[in-house]
């Protein structure tokens, strides 16, 4: 299994639209990438530990294999997923691809 972690830095001047992300963007990812996606976990930040959080949202999208990930990214509609980002965030997300240990 491989995981694509997408991290949206917090910026008080560029609010993150959690409702849009959950109701529209995550379903779009699932629609475009289909069965290649085996799970999605989304963490929205809470303020309070030491002021503003470093990240607004962290999402982890799981794929069954590297091949499944590569096929999903090659899908013609993957550009549509990227084009949707400005609708809920004004920051550029950071991404990391990783494998599950064990």
PDB file of N, CA and C in Angstrom:
ATOM      1  N   UNK A   1       0.850  -1.173   0.000  1.00  0.00           N
ATOM      2  CA  UNK A   1       0.000   0.000   0.000  1.00  0.00           C
ATOM      3  C   UNK A   1       0.892   1.232   0.000  1.00  0.00           C
ATOM      4  N   UNK A   2       0.466   2.265  -0.727  1.00  0.00           N
ATOM      5  CA  UNK A   2       1.148   3.560  -0.706  1.00  0.00           C
ATOM      6  C   UNK A   2       0.143   4.634  -0.295  1.00  0.00           C
ATOM      7  N   UNK A   3       0.677   5.670   0.322  1.00  0.00           N
ATOM      8  CA  UNK A   3      -0.163   6.761   0.805  1.00  0.00           C
ATOM      9  C   UNK A   3       0.321   8.077   0.238  1.00  0.00           C
ATOM     10  N   UNK A   4      -0.599   8.824  -0.331  1.00  0.00           N
ATOM     11  CA  UNK A   4      -0.327  10.186  -0.754  1.00  0.00           C
ATOM     12  C   UNK A   4      -0.807  11.090   0.375  1.00  0.00           C
ATOM     13  N   UNK A   5       0.135  11.792   0.996  1.00  0.00           N
ATOM     14  CA  UNK A   5      -0.207  12.740   2.050  1.00  0.00           C
ATOM     15  C   UNK A   5      -0.184  14.130   1.438  1.00  0.00           C
ATOM     16  N   UNK A   6      -1.280  14.849   1.612  1.00  0.00           N
ATOM     17  CA  UNK A   6      -1.413  16.204   1.071  1.00  0.00           C
ATOM     18  C   UNK A   6      -1.590  17.139   2.266  1.00  0.00           C
ATOM     19  N   UNK A   7      -0.659  18.091   2.388  1.00  0.00           N
ATOM     20  CA  UNK A   7      -0.631  18.973   3.551  1.00  0.00           C
ATOM     21  C   UNK A   7      -0.867  20.406   3.084  1.00  0.00           C
ATOM     22  N   UNK A   8      -1.868  21.047   3.672  1.00  0.00           N
ATOM     23  CA  UNK A   8      -2.208  22.424   3.350  1.00  0.00           C
ATOM     24  C   UNK A   8      -1.726  23.326   4.489  1.00  0.00           C
ATOM     25  N   UNK A   9      -0.665  24.106   4.264  1.00  0.00           N
ATOM     26  CA  UNK A   9      -0.180  25.009   5.315  1.00  0.00           C
ATOM     27  C   UNK A   9      -1.273  25.991   5.749  1.00  0.00           C
ATOM     28  N   UNK A  10      -1.245  26.321   7.027  1.00  0.00           N
ATOM     29  CA  UNK A  10      -2.191  27.288   7.571  1.00  0.00           C
ATOM     30  C   UNK A  10      -1.769  28.694   7.177  1.00  0.00           C
ATOM     31  N   UNK A  11      -2.727  29.504   6.758  1.00  0.00           N
ATOM     32  CA  UNK A  11      -2.488  30.917   6.462  1.00  0.00           C
ATOM     33  C   UNK A  11      -3.763  31.663   6.839  1.00  0.00           C
ATOM     34  N   UNK A  12      -3.672  32.476   7.865  1.00  0.00           N
ATOM     35  CA  UNK A  12      -4.853  33.196   8.360  1.00  0.00           C
ATOM     36  C   UNK A  12      -5.493  34.075   7.287  1.00  0.00           C
ATOM     37  N   UNK A  13      -4.688  34.525   6.318  1.00  0.00           N
ATOM     38  CA  UNK A  13      -5.208  35.374   5.250  1.00  0.00           C
ATOM     39  C   UNK A  13      -5.813  34.585   4.091  1.00  0.00           C
ATOM     40  N   UNK A  14      -5.657  33.264   4.124  1.00  0.00           N
ATOM     41  CA  UNK A  14      -6.186  32.405   3.062  1.00  0.00           C
ATOM     42  C   UNK A  14      -6.922  31.231   3.706  1.00  0.00           C
ATOM     43  N   UNK A  15      -8.155  31.466   4.155  1.00  0.00           N
ATOM     44  CA  UNK A  15      -8.888  30.431   4.872  1.00  0.00           C
ATOM     45  C   UNK A  15      -9.118  29.164   4.044  1.00  0.00           C
ATOM     46  N   UNK A  16      -9.143  28.052   4.722  1.00  0.00           N
ATOM     47  CA  UNK A  16      -9.385  26.754   4.118  1.00  0.00           C
ATOM     48  C   UNK A  16     -10.865  26.430   4.293  1.00  0.00           C
ATOM     49  N   UNK A  17     -11.554  26.104   3.208  1.00  0.00           N
ATOM     50  CA  UNK A  17     -12.990  25.808   3.252  1.00  0.00           C
ATOM     51  C   UNK A  17     -13.192  24.316   3.528  1.00  0.00           C
ATOM     52  N   UNK A  18     -13.297  23.976   4.805  1.00  0.00           N
ATOM     53  CA  UNK A  18     -13.435  22.573   5.216  1.00  0.00           C
ATOM     54  C   UNK A  18     -14.703  21.927   4.654  1.00  0.00           C
ATOM     55  N   UNK A  19     -15.790  22.677   4.636  1.00  0.00           N
ATOM     56  CA  UNK A  19     -17.053  22.112   4.154  1.00  0.00           C
ATOM     57  C   UNK A  19     -16.953  21.732   2.681  1.00  0.00           C
ATOM     58  N   UNK A  20     -16.376  22.623   1.866  1.00  0.00           N
ATOM     59  CA  UNK A  20     -16.215  22.319   0.445  1.00  0.00           C
ATOM     60  C   UNK A  20     -15.295  21.125   0.259  1.00  0.00           C
ATOM     61  N   UNK A  21     -14.202  21.110   0.999  1.00  0.00           N
ATOM     62  CA  UNK A  21     -13.230  20.024   0.880  1.00  0.00           C
ATOM     63  C   UNK A  21     -13.901  18.671   1.138  1.00  0.00           C
ATOM     64  N   UNK A  22     -14.640  18.594   2.238  1.00  0.00           N
ATOM     65  CA  UNK A  22     -15.275  17.330   2.618  1.00  0.00           C
ATOM     66  C   UNK A  22     -16.439  16.943   1.708  1.00  0.00           C
ATOM     67  N   UNK A  23     -17.241  17.926   1.316  1.00  0.00           N
ATOM     68  CA  UNK A  23     -18.451  17.630   0.546  1.00  0.00           C
ATOM     69  C   UNK A  23     -18.212  17.520  -0.956  1.00  0.00           C
ATOM     70  N   UNK A  24     -17.160  18.166  -1.462  1.00  0.00           N
ATOM     71  CA  UNK A  24     -16.960  18.220  -2.911  1.00  0.00           C
ATOM     72  C   UNK A  24     -15.612  17.662  -3.356  1.00  0.00           C
ATOM     73  N   UNK A  25     -14.524  18.121  -2.738  1.00  0.00           N
ATOM     74  CA  UNK A  25     -13.200  17.721  -3.234  1.00  0.00           C
ATOM     75  C   UNK A  25     -12.897  16.243  -2.973  1.00  0.00           C
ATOM     76  N   UNK A  26     -13.124  15.778  -1.768  1.00  0.00           N
ATOM     77  CA  UNK A  26     -12.842  14.363  -1.473  1.00  0.00           C
ATOM     78  C   UNK A  26     -13.706  13.446  -2.350  1.00  0.00           C
ATOM     79  N   UNK A  27     -15.007  13.705  -2.503  1.00  0.00           N
ATOM     80  CA  UNK A  27     -15.786  12.874  -3.423  1.00  0.00           C
ATOM     81  C   UNK A  27     -15.280  12.944  -4.869  1.00  0.00           C
ATOM     82  N   UNK A  28     -14.786  14.108  -5.299  1.00  0.00           N
ATOM     83  CA  UNK A  28     -14.219  14.226  -6.643  1.00  0.00           C
ATOM     84  C   UNK A  28     -13.002  13.308  -6.781  1.00  0.00           C
ATOM     85  N   UNK A  29     -12.124  13.304  -5.790  1.00  0.00           N
ATOM     86  CA  UNK A  29     -10.962  12.405  -5.815  1.00  0.00           C
ATOM     87  C   UNK A  29     -11.401  10.955  -5.939  1.00  0.00           C
ATOM     88  N   UNK A  30     -12.380  10.572  -5.150  1.00  0.00           N
ATOM     89  CA  UNK A  30     -12.873   9.187  -5.191  1.00  0.00           C
ATOM     90  C   UNK A  30     -13.508   8.864  -6.546  1.00  0.00           C
ATOM     91  N   UNK A  31     -14.235   9.817  -7.099  1.00  0.00           N
ATOM     92  CA  UNK A  31     -14.868   9.608  -8.408  1.00  0.00           C
ATOM     93  C   UNK A  31     -13.822   9.442  -9.510  1.00  0.00           C
ATOM     94  N   UNK A  32     -12.845  10.337  -9.540  1.00  0.00           N
ATOM     95  CA  UNK A  32     -11.835  10.310 -10.596  1.00  0.00           C
ATOM     96  C   UNK A  32     -10.929   9.097 -10.472  1.00  0.00           C
ATOM     97  N   UNK A  33     -10.464   8.816  -9.270  1.00  0.00           N
ATOM     98  CA  UNK A  33      -9.492   7.746  -9.074  1.00  0.00           C
ATOM     99  C   UNK A  33     -10.117   6.393  -8.773  1.00  0.00           C
ATOM    100  N   UNK A  34     -11.404   6.363  -8.515  1.00  0.00           N
ATOM    101  CA  UNK A  34     -12.158   5.119  -8.396  1.00  0.00           C
ATOM    102  C   UNK A  34     -11.586   4.106  -7.420  1.00  0.00           C
ATOM    103  N   UNK A  35     -11.564   2.854  -7.860  1.00  0.00           N
ATOM    104  CA  UNK A  35     -11.146   1.751  -7.002  1.00  0.00           C
ATOM    105  C   UNK A  35      -9.665   1.779  -6.654  1.00  0.00           C
ATOM    106  N   UNK A  36      -8.894   2.642  -7.305  1.00  0.00           N
ATOM    107  CA  UNK A  36      -7.475   2.769  -6.953  1.00  0.00           C
ATOM    108  C   UNK A  36      -7.324   3.294  -5.522  1.00  0.00           C
ATOM    109  N   UNK A  37      -8.316   4.070  -5.072  1.00  0.00           N
ATOM    110  CA  UNK A  37      -8.296   4.631  -3.716  1.00  0.00           C
ATOM    111  C   UNK A  37      -8.913   3.614  -2.764  1.00  0.00           C
ATOM    112  N   UNK A  38      -8.124   3.218  -1.763  1.00  0.00           N
ATOM    113  CA  UNK A  38      -8.622   2.248  -0.785  1.00  0.00           C
ATOM    114  C   UNK A  38      -9.038   2.902   0.524  1.00  0.00           C
ATOM    115  N   UNK A  39      -8.708   4.171   0.691  1.00  0.00           N
ATOM    116  CA  UNK A  39      -9.111   4.876   1.898  1.00  0.00           C
ATOM    117  C   UNK A  39      -8.679   6.329   1.871  1.00  0.00           C
ATOM    118  N   UNK A  40      -9.435   7.159   2.585  1.00  0.00           N
ATOM    119  CA  UNK A  40      -9.111   8.578   2.711  1.00  0.00           C
ATOM    120  C   UNK A  40      -9.321   8.969   4.166  1.00  0.00           C
ATOM    121  N   UNK A  41      -8.306   9.633   4.727  1.00  0.00           N
ATOM    122  CA  UNK A  41      -8.410  10.175   6.078  1.00  0.00           C
ATOM    123  C   UNK A  41      -8.079  11.658   6.001  1.00  0.00           C
ATOM    124  N   UNK A  42      -8.925  12.480   6.615  1.00  0.00           N
ATOM    125  CA  UNK A  42      -8.725  13.930   6.585  1.00  0.00           C
ATOM    126  C   UNK A  42      -8.661  14.431   8.026  1.00  0.00           C
ATOM    127  N   UNK A  43      -7.639  15.243   8.303  1.00  0.00           N
ATOM    128  CA  UNK A  43      -7.470  15.858   9.617  1.00  0.00           C
ATOM    129  C   UNK A  43      -7.512  17.371   9.451  1.00  0.00           C
ATOM    130  N   UNK A  44      -8.523  18.015  10.054  1.00  0.00           N
ATOM    131  CA  UNK A  44      -8.611  19.473  10.044  1.00  0.00           C
ATOM    132  C   UNK A  44      -8.048  19.971  11.376  1.00  0.00           C
ATOM    133  N   UNK A  45      -7.218  20.984  11.315  1.00  0.00           N
ATOM    134  CA  UNK A  45      -6.510  21.480  12.492  1.00  0.00           C
ATOM    135  C   UNK A  45      -7.434  22.133  13.506  1.00  0.00           C
ATOM    136  N   UNK A  46      -7.002  22.019  14.752  1.00  0.00           N
ATOM    137  CA  UNK A  46      -7.620  22.738  15.856  1.00  0.00           C
ATOM    138  C   UNK A  46      -6.579  23.707  16.406  1.00  0.00           C
ATOM    139  N   UNK A  47      -6.972  24.929  16.664  1.00  0.00           N
ATOM    140  CA  UNK A  47      -6.057  25.894  17.277  1.00  0.00           C
ATOM    141  C   UNK A  47      -6.056  25.659  18.779  1.00  0.00           C
ATOM    142  N   UNK A  48      -5.028  26.137  19.434  1.00  0.00           N
ATOM    143  CA  UNK A  48      -5.058  26.084  20.884  1.00  0.00           C
ATOM    144  C   UNK A  48      -3.804  25.570  21.549  1.00  0.00           C
ATOM    145  N   UNK A  49      -3.039  24.695  20.913  1.00  0.00           N
ATOM    146  CA  UNK A  49      -1.843  24.171  21.560  1.00  0.00           C
ATOM    147  C   UNK A  49      -0.779  25.243  21.729  1.00  0.00           C
ATOM    148  N   UNK A  50      -0.528  25.987  20.665  1.00  0.00           N
ATOM    149  CA  UNK A  50       0.474  27.050  20.724  1.00  0.00           C
ATOM    150  C   UNK A  50       0.116  28.132  19.713  1.00  0.00           C
ATOM    151  N   UNK A  51      -1.136  28.552  19.723  1.00  0.00           N
ATOM    152  CA  UNK A  51      -1.585  29.554  18.752  1.00  0.00           C
ATOM    153  C   UNK A  51      -2.058  28.910  17.474  1.00  0.00           C
ATOM    154  N   UNK A  52      -1.758  29.565  16.367  1.00  0.00           N
ATOM    155  CA  UNK A  52      -2.197  29.052  15.072  1.00  0.00           C
ATOM    156  C   UNK A  52      -1.481  27.748  14.740  1.00  0.00           C
ATOM    157  N   UNK A  53      -2.191  26.818  14.114  1.00  0.00           N
ATOM    158  CA  UNK A  53      -1.565  25.553  13.742  1.00  0.00           C
ATOM    159  C   UNK A  53      -0.650  25.737  12.541  1.00  0.00           C
ATOM    160  N   UNK A  54       0.351  24.882  12.371  1.00  0.00           N
ATOM    161  CA  UNK A  54       1.211  24.998  11.188  1.00  0.00           C
ATOM    162  C   UNK A  54       0.496  24.594   9.900  1.00  0.00           C
ATOM    163  N   UNK A  55      -0.500  23.712  10.031  1.00  0.00           N
ATOM    164  CA  UNK A  55      -1.220  23.217   8.864  1.00  0.00           C
ATOM    165  C   UNK A  55      -2.716  23.332   9.091  1.00  0.00           C
ATOM    166  N   UNK A  56      -3.445  23.717   8.035  1.00  0.00           N
ATOM    167  CA  UNK A  56      -4.900  23.807   8.118  1.00  0.00           C
ATOM    168  C   UNK A  56      -5.526  22.425   8.027  1.00  0.00           C
ATOM    169  N   UNK A  57      -5.015  21.624   7.089  1.00  0.00           N
ATOM    170  CA  UNK A  57      -5.580  20.299   6.836  1.00  0.00           C
ATOM    171  C   UNK A  57      -4.483  19.361   6.353  1.00  0.00           C
ATOM    172  N   UNK A  58      -4.585  18.125   6.787  1.00  0.00           N
ATOM    173  CA  UNK A  58      -3.701  17.064   6.300  1.00  0.00           C
ATOM    174  C   UNK A  58      -4.605  15.930   5.841  1.00  0.00           C
ATOM    175  N   UNK A  59      -4.431  15.531   4.589  1.00  0.00           N
ATOM    176  CA  UNK A  59      -5.226  14.435   4.033  1.00  0.00           C
ATOM    177  C   UNK A  59      -4.294  13.295   3.645  1.00  0.00           C
ATOM    178  N   UNK A  60      -4.744  12.078   3.903  1.00  0.00           N
ATOM    179  CA  UNK A  60      -3.993  10.897   3.500  1.00  0.00           C
ATOM    180  C   UNK A  60      -4.894  10.054   2.613  1.00  0.00           C
ATOM    181  N   UNK A  61      -4.422   9.840   1.386  1.00  0.00           N
ATOM    182  CA  UNK A  61      -5.174   9.061   0.412  1.00  0.00           C
ATOM    183  C   UNK A  61      -4.400   7.775   0.175  1.00  0.00           C
ATOM    184  N   UNK A  62      -5.033   6.653   0.455  1.00  0.00           N
ATOM    185  CA  UNK A  62      -4.367   5.359   0.356  1.00  0.00           C
ATOM    186  C   UNK A  62      -4.690   4.682  -0.975  1.00  0.00           C
ATOM    187  N   UNK A  63      -3.662   4.071  -1.539  1.00  0.00           N
ATOM    188  CA  UNK A  63      -3.770   3.315  -2.781  1.00  0.00           C
ATOM    189  C   UNK A  63      -3.253   1.906  -2.530  1.00  0.00           C
ATOM    190  N   UNK A  64      -3.836   0.930  -3.192  1.00  0.00           N
ATOM    191  CA  UNK A  64      -3.480  -0.474  -2.968  1.00  0.00           C
ATOM    192  C   UNK A  64      -2.025  -0.771  -3.307  1.00  0.00           C
ATOM    193  N   UNK A  65      -1.478  -0.055  -4.275  1.00  0.00           N
ATOM    194  CA  UNK A  65      -0.112  -0.328  -4.721  1.00  0.00           C
ATOM    195  C   UNK A  65       0.440   0.893  -5.443  1.00  0.00           C
ATOM    196  N   UNK A  66       1.729   0.842  -5.727  1.00  0.00           N
ATOM    197  CA  UNK A  66       2.349   1.919  -6.507  1.00  0.00           C
ATOM    198  C   UNK A  66       1.741   1.962  -7.905  1.00  0.00           C
ATOM    199  N   UNK A  67       1.464   0.800  -8.461  1.00  0.00           N
ATOM    200  CA  UNK A  67       0.862   0.735  -9.791  1.00  0.00           C
ATOM    201  C   UNK A  67      -0.521   1.385  -9.793  1.00  0.00           C
ATOM    202  N   UNK A  68      -1.301   1.129  -8.754  1.00  0.00           N
ATOM    203  CA  UNK A  68      -2.633   1.734  -8.656  1.00  0.00           C
ATOM    204  C   UNK A  68      -2.519   3.251  -8.545  1.00  0.00           C
ATOM    205  N   UNK A  69      -1.547   3.726  -7.766  1.00  0.00           N
ATOM    206  CA  UNK A  69      -1.317   5.170  -7.636  1.00  0.00           C
ATOM    207  C   UNK A  69      -0.948   5.767  -8.987  1.00  0.00           C
ATOM    208  N   UNK A  70      -0.008   5.146  -9.682  1.00  0.00           N
ATOM    209  CA  UNK A  70       0.452   5.667 -10.971  1.00  0.00           C
ATOM    210  C   UNK A  70      -0.675   5.691 -11.996  1.00  0.00           C
ATOM    211  N   UNK A  71      -1.506   4.664 -12.007  1.00  0.00           N
ATOM    212  CA  UNK A  71      -2.642   4.644 -12.934  1.00  0.00           C
ATOM    213  C   UNK A  71      -3.637   5.752 -12.591  1.00  0.00           C
ATOM    214  N   UNK A  72      -3.852   5.970 -11.298  1.00  0.00           N
ATOM    215  CA  UNK A  72      -4.776   7.032 -10.882  1.00  0.00           C
ATOM    216  C   UNK A  72      -4.257   8.397 -11.315  1.00  0.00           C
ATOM    217  N   UNK A  73      -2.978   8.640 -11.121  1.00  0.00           N
ATOM    218  CA  UNK A  73      -2.403   9.938 -11.484  1.00  0.00           C
ATOM    219  C   UNK A  73      -2.394  10.148 -12.995  1.00  0.00           C
ATOM    220  N   UNK A  74      -2.354   9.063 -13.751  1.00  0.00           N
ATOM    221  CA  UNK A  74      -2.347   9.155 -15.215  1.00  0.00           C
ATOM    222  C   UNK A  74      -3.755   9.324 -15.789  1.00  0.00           C
ATOM    223  N   UNK A  75      -4.768   9.190 -14.955  1.00  0.00           N
ATOM    224  CA  UNK A  75      -6.145   9.321 -15.425  1.00  0.00           C
ATOM    225  C   UNK A  75      -6.333  10.714 -16.032  1.00  0.00           C
ATOM    226  N   UNK A  76      -7.004  10.812 -17.168  1.00  0.00           N
ATOM    227  CA  UNK A  76      -7.196  12.107 -17.827  1.00  0.00           C
ATOM    228  C   UNK A  76      -7.868  13.166 -16.948  1.00  0.00           C
ATOM    229  N   UNK A  77      -8.666  12.734 -15.985  1.00  0.00           N
ATOM    230  CA  UNK A  77      -9.374  13.702 -15.134  1.00  0.00           C
ATOM    231  C   UNK A  77      -8.576  14.115 -13.897  1.00  0.00           C
ATOM    232  N   UNK A  78      -7.355  13.597 -13.743  1.00  0.00           N
ATOM    233  CA  UNK A  78      -6.544  14.002 -12.588  1.00  0.00           C
ATOM    234  C   UNK A  78      -6.271  15.501 -12.593  1.00  0.00           C
ATOM    235  N   UNK A  79      -6.181  16.102 -13.758  1.00  0.00           N
ATOM    236  CA  UNK A  79      -6.000  17.554 -13.860  1.00  0.00           C
ATOM    237  C   UNK A  79      -7.195  18.290 -13.245  1.00  0.00           C
ATOM    238  N   UNK A  80      -8.357  17.682 -13.332  1.00  0.00           N
ATOM    239  CA  UNK A  80      -9.568  18.269 -12.743  1.00  0.00           C
ATOM    240  C   UNK A  80      -9.452  18.331 -11.215  1.00  0.00           C
ATOM    241  N   UNK A  81      -8.844  17.312 -10.629  1.00  0.00           N
ATOM    242  CA  UNK A  81      -8.629  17.298  -9.175  1.00  0.00           C
ATOM    243  C   UNK A  81      -7.719  18.458  -8.786  1.00  0.00           C
ATOM    244  N   UNK A  82      -6.630  18.642  -9.507  1.00  0.00           N
ATOM    245  CA  UNK A  82      -5.696  19.738  -9.226  1.00  0.00           C
ATOM    246  C   UNK A  82      -6.367  21.095  -9.426  1.00  0.00           C
ATOM    247  N   UNK A  83      -7.158  21.218 -10.471  1.00  0.00           N
ATOM    248  CA  UNK A  83      -7.818  22.490 -10.778  1.00  0.00           C
ATOM    249  C   UNK A  83      -8.860  22.876  -9.724  1.00  0.00           C
ATOM    250  N   UNK A  84      -9.300  21.920  -8.931  1.00  0.00           N
ATOM    251  CA  UNK A  84     -10.305  22.176  -7.905  1.00  0.00           C
ATOM    252  C   UNK A  84      -9.713  22.829  -6.650  1.00  0.00           C
ATOM    253  N   UNK A  85      -8.415  22.711  -6.439  1.00  0.00           N
ATOM    254  CA  UNK A  85      -7.775  23.194  -5.206  1.00  0.00           C
ATOM    255  C   UNK A  85      -8.065  24.669  -4.917  1.00  0.00           C
ATOM    256  N   UNK A  86      -7.974  25.583  -5.869  1.00  0.00           N
ATOM    257  CA  UNK A  86      -8.251  26.991  -5.549  1.00  0.00           C
ATOM    258  C   UNK A  86      -9.681  27.264  -5.076  1.00  0.00           C
ATOM    259  N   UNK A  87     -10.565  26.328  -5.252  1.00  0.00           N
ATOM    260  CA  UNK A  87     -11.956  26.517  -4.795  1.00  0.00           C
ATOM    261  C   UNK A  87     -12.088  26.383  -3.274  1.00  0.00           C
ATOM    262  N   UNK A  88     -11.099  25.768  -2.613  1.00  0.00           N
ATOM    263  CA  UNK A  88     -11.189  25.617  -1.161  1.00  0.00           C
ATOM    264  C   UNK A  88      -9.953  26.109  -0.416  1.00  0.00           C
ATOM    265  N   UNK A  89      -8.868  26.401  -1.132  1.00  0.00           N
ATOM    266  CA  UNK A  89      -7.651  26.855  -0.465  1.00  0.00           C
ATOM    267  C   UNK A  89      -6.849  27.787  -1.365  1.00  0.00           C
ATOM    268  N   UNK A  90      -6.285  28.822  -0.744  1.00  0.00           N
ATOM    269  CA  UNK A  90      -5.434  29.742  -1.483  1.00  0.00           C
ATOM    270  C   UNK A  90      -3.959  29.440  -1.336  1.00  0.00           C
ATOM    271  N   UNK A  91      -3.628  28.359  -0.639  1.00  0.00           N
ATOM    272  CA  UNK A  91      -2.219  27.992  -0.451  1.00  0.00           C
ATOM    273  C   UNK A  91      -1.858  26.831  -1.379  1.00  0.00           C
ATOM    274  N   UNK A  92      -0.579  26.692  -1.630  1.00  0.00           N
ATOM    275  CA  UNK A  92      -0.090  25.574  -2.429  1.00  0.00           C
ATOM    276  C   UNK A  92       0.158  24.397  -1.483  1.00  0.00           C
ATOM    277  N   UNK A  93      -0.497  23.272  -1.710  1.00  0.00           N
ATOM    278  CA  UNK A  93      -0.289  22.138  -0.810  1.00  0.00           C
ATOM    279  C   UNK A  93       1.082  21.490  -1.018  1.00  0.00           C
ATOM    280  N   UNK A  94       1.553  20.860   0.046  1.00  0.00           N
ATOM    281  CA  UNK A  94       2.760  20.047  -0.017  1.00  0.00           C
ATOM    282  C   UNK A  94       2.299  18.601  -0.129  1.00  0.00           C
ATOM    283  N   UNK A  95       3.070  17.785  -0.855  1.00  0.00           N
ATOM    284  CA  UNK A  95       2.681  16.388  -1.032  1.00  0.00           C
ATOM    285  C   UNK A  95       3.848  15.466  -0.775  1.00  0.00           C
ATOM    286  N   UNK A  96       3.524  14.301  -0.243  1.00  0.00           N
ATOM    287  CA  UNK A  96       4.523  13.277  -0.014  1.00  0.00           C
ATOM    288  C   UNK A  96       3.902  11.919  -0.324  1.00  0.00           C
ATOM    289  N   UNK A  97       4.647  11.104  -1.035  1.00  0.00           N
ATOM    290  CA  UNK A  97       4.233   9.734  -1.313  1.00  0.00           C
ATOM    291  C   UNK A  97       5.059   8.829  -0.413  1.00  0.00           C
ATOM    292  N   UNK A  98       4.385   7.914   0.265  1.00  0.00           N
ATOM    293  CA  UNK A  98       5.104   7.035   1.193  1.00  0.00           C
ATOM    294  C   UNK A  98       4.514   5.636   1.145  1.00  0.00           C
ATOM    295  N   UNK A  99       5.276   4.716   1.670  1.00  0.00           N
ATOM    296  CA  UNK A  99       4.793   3.335   1.800  1.00  0.00           C
ATOM    297  C   UNK A  99       4.512   3.063   3.254  1.00  0.00           C
ATOM    298  N   UNK A 100       3.617   2.167   3.507  1.00  0.00           N
ATOM    299  CA  UNK A 100       3.285   1.792   4.860  1.00  0.00           C
ATOM    300  C   UNK A 100       4.323   0.796   5.351  1.00  0.00           C
ATOM    301  N   UNK A 101       4.905   1.088   6.488  1.00  0.00           N
ATOM    302  CA  UNK A 101       5.939   0.210   7.046  1.00  0.00           C
ATOM    303  C   UNK A 101       5.307  -1.083   7.566  1.00  0.00           C
ATOM    304  N   UNK A 102       6.101  -2.106   7.531  1.00  0.00           N
ATOM    305  CA  UNK A 102       5.643  -3.350   8.132  1.00  0.00           C
ATOM    306  C   UNK A 102       5.657  -4.437   7.199  1.00  0.00           C
TER     307      UNK A 102
END
